[in-house]
Amino acid sequence: DKVGLRGFEESQCFTLSAGQQQRVSLAKLLISDTKLWVLDEPFTTLDADGVKQLENLLRDHADKGGAVLITTHHNLSVTDLQVLELG
């Protein structure tokens, strides 16, 4: 379970918390073949476990040749990726 939604397979999205809805969005990325992920503040509604899972997903995507463009105020703990900080 890469996005932490085990047990919610039959739940309707509008019944999920904001963090769980964010995880649904991340799951959609995982089933797509998109090479470039463009994410705007993806950590905002995630709990600590969700943050760790997302950072692992980012690393895995990059390891498979993908690219990620993120806008965030979150301090990434993923150290093996190229990070460009603005401002």
N, C-alpha and C. Protein backbone atom coordinates (compact mmCIF):
# COMPACT_ATOMS: atom_id res chain seq x y z
N ASP A 1 0.85 -1.19 0.00
CA ASP A 1 0.00 0.00 0.00
C ASP A 1 0.89 1.24 0.00
N LYS A 2 1.15 1.77 -1.16
CA LYS A 2 2.12 2.86 -1.32
C LYS A 2 1.62 4.21 -0.85
N VAL A 3 0.30 4.40 -0.75
CA VAL A 3 -0.21 5.73 -0.38
C VAL A 3 -0.98 5.72 0.94
N GLY A 4 -1.07 4.59 1.62
CA GLY A 4 -1.68 4.56 2.95
C GLY A 4 -3.20 4.62 2.96
N LEU A 5 -3.84 4.02 1.97
CA LEU A 5 -5.30 4.04 1.93
C LEU A 5 -5.93 2.66 2.07
N ARG A 6 -5.16 1.70 2.54
CA ARG A 6 -5.71 0.35 2.73
C ARG A 6 -6.89 0.44 3.70
N GLY A 7 -7.99 -0.21 3.33
CA GLY A 7 -9.19 -0.18 4.14
C GLY A 7 -10.20 0.87 3.70
N PHE A 8 -9.80 1.71 2.76
CA PHE A 8 -10.69 2.77 2.26
C PHE A 8 -11.13 2.53 0.81
N GLU A 9 -10.92 1.31 0.32
CA GLU A 9 -11.19 1.02 -1.09
C GLU A 9 -12.65 1.29 -1.49
N GLU A 10 -13.57 1.09 -0.58
CA GLU A 10 -14.99 1.27 -0.88
C GLU A 10 -15.53 2.64 -0.46
N SER A 11 -14.67 3.49 0.08
CA SER A 11 -15.10 4.81 0.55
C SER A 11 -15.24 5.78 -0.62
N GLN A 12 -16.23 6.65 -0.52
CA GLN A 12 -16.36 7.70 -1.52
C GLN A 12 -15.43 8.85 -1.13
N CYS A 13 -14.86 9.48 -2.13
CA CYS A 13 -13.84 10.49 -1.88
C CYS A 13 -14.33 11.62 -0.97
N PHE A 14 -15.56 12.04 -1.12
CA PHE A 14 -16.05 13.17 -0.32
C PHE A 14 -16.15 12.83 1.17
N THR A 15 -16.07 11.55 1.53
CA THR A 15 -16.12 11.16 2.94
C THR A 15 -14.73 11.11 3.56
N LEU A 16 -13.70 11.25 2.76
CA LEU A 16 -12.33 11.15 3.25
C LEU A 16 -11.84 12.49 3.79
N SER A 17 -10.86 12.43 4.68
CA SER A 17 -10.23 13.65 5.19
C SER A 17 -9.43 14.31 4.07
N ALA A 18 -9.01 15.54 4.29
CA ALA A 18 -8.21 16.26 3.28
C ALA A 18 -6.92 15.51 2.98
N GLY A 19 -6.28 14.96 4.01
CA GLY A 19 -5.05 14.20 3.80
C GLY A 19 -5.29 12.94 3.00
N GLN A 20 -6.40 12.25 3.28
CA GLN A 20 -6.73 11.05 2.53
C GLN A 20 -7.06 11.39 1.08
N GLN A 21 -7.73 12.50 0.86
CA GLN A 21 -8.01 12.92 -0.51
C GLN A 21 -6.72 13.24 -1.26
N GLN A 22 -5.77 13.82 -0.55
CA GLN A 22 -4.46 14.09 -1.16
C GLN A 22 -3.79 12.77 -1.55
N ARG A 23 -3.94 11.76 -0.71
CA ARG A 23 -3.36 10.44 -1.01
C ARG A 23 -4.02 9.82 -2.24
N VAL A 24 -5.32 10.06 -2.42
CA VAL A 24 -6.01 9.58 -3.63
C VAL A 24 -5.38 10.23 -4.86
N SER A 25 -5.11 11.51 -4.78
CA SER A 25 -4.46 12.21 -5.90
C SER A 25 -3.09 11.62 -6.20
N LEU A 26 -2.35 11.29 -5.17
CA LEU A 26 -1.04 10.68 -5.36
C LEU A 26 -1.17 9.30 -5.99
N ALA A 27 -2.18 8.55 -5.58
CA ALA A 27 -2.42 7.23 -6.16
C ALA A 27 -2.69 7.34 -7.66
N LYS A 28 -3.39 8.39 -8.06
CA LYS A 28 -3.65 8.60 -9.49
C LYS A 28 -2.35 8.80 -10.26
N LEU A 29 -1.39 9.49 -9.65
CA LEU A 29 -0.09 9.66 -10.29
C LEU A 29 0.60 8.31 -10.49
N LEU A 30 0.49 7.46 -9.49
CA LEU A 30 1.17 6.17 -9.55
C LEU A 30 0.65 5.27 -10.66
N ILE A 31 -0.62 5.39 -11.00
CA ILE A 31 -1.16 4.52 -12.05
C ILE A 31 -1.06 5.16 -13.43
N SER A 32 -0.53 6.37 -13.49
CA SER A 32 -0.33 7.01 -14.79
C SER A 32 1.09 6.71 -15.27
N ASP A 33 1.33 6.94 -16.54
CA ASP A 33 2.69 6.76 -17.06
C ASP A 33 3.38 8.11 -17.28
N THR A 34 2.93 9.11 -16.55
CA THR A 34 3.48 10.46 -16.67
C THR A 34 4.92 10.50 -16.16
N LYS A 35 5.81 11.01 -16.98
CA LYS A 35 7.23 11.11 -16.59
C LYS A 35 7.49 12.34 -15.72
N LEU A 36 6.72 13.41 -15.95
CA LEU A 36 6.90 14.64 -15.18
C LEU A 36 5.71 14.83 -14.25
N TRP A 37 5.98 14.86 -12.96
CA TRP A 37 4.95 15.15 -11.97
C TRP A 37 5.07 16.62 -11.60
N VAL A 38 3.99 17.37 -11.69
CA VAL A 38 3.95 18.77 -11.27
C VAL A 38 3.04 18.83 -10.05
N LEU A 39 3.62 19.13 -8.89
CA LEU A 39 2.90 19.09 -7.62
C LEU A 39 2.96 20.44 -6.93
N ASP A 40 1.80 20.97 -6.59
CA ASP A 40 1.71 22.26 -5.90
C ASP A 40 1.36 22.01 -4.44
N GLU A 41 2.31 22.26 -3.57
CA GLU A 41 2.13 22.07 -2.12
C GLU A 41 1.55 20.69 -1.77
N PRO A 42 2.18 19.62 -2.22
CA PRO A 42 1.61 18.29 -1.99
C PRO A 42 1.67 17.82 -0.54
N PHE A 43 2.47 18.45 0.30
CA PHE A 43 2.63 18.01 1.69
C PHE A 43 1.62 18.67 2.64
N THR A 44 0.90 19.68 2.17
CA THR A 44 0.09 20.53 3.03
C THR A 44 -0.86 19.77 3.94
N THR A 45 -1.60 18.83 3.44
CA THR A 45 -2.63 18.15 4.24
C THR A 45 -2.21 16.78 4.74
N LEU A 46 -0.96 16.41 4.51
CA LEU A 46 -0.50 15.07 4.89
C LEU A 46 0.01 15.03 6.33
N ASP A 47 -0.25 13.91 7.00
CA ASP A 47 0.32 13.69 8.33
C ASP A 47 1.76 13.21 8.16
N ALA A 48 2.44 12.95 9.27
CA ALA A 48 3.86 12.57 9.22
C ALA A 48 4.09 11.31 8.39
N ASP A 49 3.21 10.32 8.51
CA ASP A 49 3.35 9.10 7.71
C ASP A 49 3.16 9.40 6.23
N GLY A 50 2.20 10.26 5.93
CA GLY A 50 1.95 10.64 4.54
C GLY A 50 3.12 11.38 3.93
N VAL A 51 3.76 12.24 4.71
CA VAL A 51 4.94 12.96 4.24
C VAL A 51 6.05 11.98 3.90
N LYS A 52 6.28 11.03 4.78
CA LYS A 52 7.33 10.02 4.55
C LYS A 52 7.01 9.20 3.29
N GLN A 53 5.75 8.80 3.15
CA GLN A 53 5.36 8.03 1.97
C GLN A 53 5.55 8.84 0.69
N LEU A 54 5.15 10.10 0.71
CA LEU A 54 5.31 10.94 -0.47
C LEU A 54 6.78 11.12 -0.81
N GLU A 55 7.62 11.36 0.18
CA GLU A 55 9.05 11.50 -0.10
C GLU A 55 9.61 10.23 -0.72
N ASN A 56 9.16 9.07 -0.25
CA ASN A 56 9.59 7.80 -0.84
C ASN A 56 9.10 7.66 -2.28
N LEU A 57 7.87 8.09 -2.54
CA LEU A 57 7.33 8.04 -3.90
C LEU A 57 8.12 8.95 -4.83
N LEU A 58 8.50 10.13 -4.35
CA LEU A 58 9.30 11.06 -5.16
C LEU A 58 10.64 10.43 -5.51
N ARG A 59 11.28 9.84 -4.53
CA ARG A 59 12.57 9.19 -4.75
C ARG A 59 12.43 8.04 -5.74
N ASP A 60 11.41 7.20 -5.56
CA ASP A 60 11.20 6.07 -6.46
C ASP A 60 10.95 6.54 -7.89
N HIS A 61 10.15 7.59 -8.03
CA HIS A 61 9.84 8.12 -9.37
C HIS A 61 11.12 8.62 -10.04
N ALA A 62 11.94 9.35 -9.30
CA ALA A 62 13.20 9.85 -9.84
C ALA A 62 14.15 8.71 -10.18
N ASP A 63 14.20 7.69 -9.33
CA ASP A 63 15.06 6.53 -9.58
C ASP A 63 14.68 5.80 -10.86
N LYS A 64 13.41 5.89 -11.23
CA LYS A 64 12.92 5.23 -12.45
C LYS A 64 13.01 6.14 -13.67
N GLY A 65 13.69 7.28 -13.53
CA GLY A 65 13.89 8.19 -14.65
C GLY A 65 12.88 9.30 -14.76
N GLY A 66 11.99 9.41 -13.80
CA GLY A 66 10.98 10.46 -13.82
C GLY A 66 11.52 11.76 -13.26
N ALA A 67 10.76 12.82 -13.44
CA ALA A 67 11.11 14.14 -12.92
C ALA A 67 9.93 14.68 -12.12
N VAL A 68 10.25 15.49 -11.12
CA VAL A 68 9.22 16.06 -10.25
C VAL A 68 9.48 17.55 -10.11
N LEU A 69 8.47 18.35 -10.38
CA LEU A 69 8.52 19.79 -10.15
C LEU A 69 7.55 20.08 -9.01
N ILE A 70 8.09 20.59 -7.90
CA ILE A 70 7.28 20.80 -6.70
C ILE A 70 7.40 22.25 -6.25
N THR A 71 6.28 22.82 -5.85
CA THR A 71 6.32 24.05 -5.07
C THR A 71 5.93 23.66 -3.66
N THR A 72 6.75 24.04 -2.69
CA THR A 72 6.47 23.62 -1.32
C THR A 72 7.18 24.53 -0.32
N HIS A 73 6.62 24.59 0.87
CA HIS A 73 7.28 25.23 2.00
C HIS A 73 7.85 24.17 2.94
N HIS A 74 7.62 22.92 2.61
CA HIS A 74 8.08 21.79 3.40
C HIS A 74 9.58 21.59 3.19
N ASN A 75 10.30 21.33 4.27
CA ASN A 75 11.73 21.01 4.15
C ASN A 75 11.86 19.54 3.80
N LEU A 76 12.28 19.26 2.58
CA LEU A 76 12.39 17.89 2.12
C LEU A 76 13.54 17.17 2.82
N SER A 77 13.28 15.94 3.22
CA SER A 77 14.35 15.13 3.79
C SER A 77 14.96 14.21 2.73
N VAL A 78 14.48 14.33 1.51
CA VAL A 78 15.03 13.56 0.40
C VAL A 78 16.30 14.27 -0.04
N THR A 79 17.44 13.68 0.26
CA THR A 79 18.70 14.38 0.03
C THR A 79 19.38 13.98 -1.27
N ASP A 80 18.93 12.90 -1.89
CA ASP A 80 19.61 12.42 -3.09
C ASP A 80 18.97 12.91 -4.38
N LEU A 81 18.16 13.95 -4.29
CA LEU A 81 17.54 14.55 -5.47
C LEU A 81 18.11 15.94 -5.69
N GLN A 82 18.08 16.40 -6.92
CA GLN A 82 18.52 17.75 -7.22
C GLN A 82 17.41 18.72 -6.82
N VAL A 83 17.73 19.67 -5.97
CA VAL A 83 16.75 20.63 -5.47
C VAL A 83 17.19 22.03 -5.89
N LEU A 84 16.25 22.78 -6.44
CA LEU A 84 16.49 24.17 -6.81
C LEU A 84 15.62 25.03 -5.92
N GLU A 85 16.26 25.85 -5.09
CA GLU A 85 15.52 26.73 -4.18
C GLU A 85 15.49 28.13 -4.75
N LEU A 86 14.31 28.72 -4.73
CA LEU A 86 14.14 30.09 -5.22
C LEU A 86 13.86 31.02 -4.06
N GLY A 87 14.38 32.23 -4.14
CA GLY A 87 14.09 33.26 -3.14
C GLY A 87 14.77 33.00 -1.91
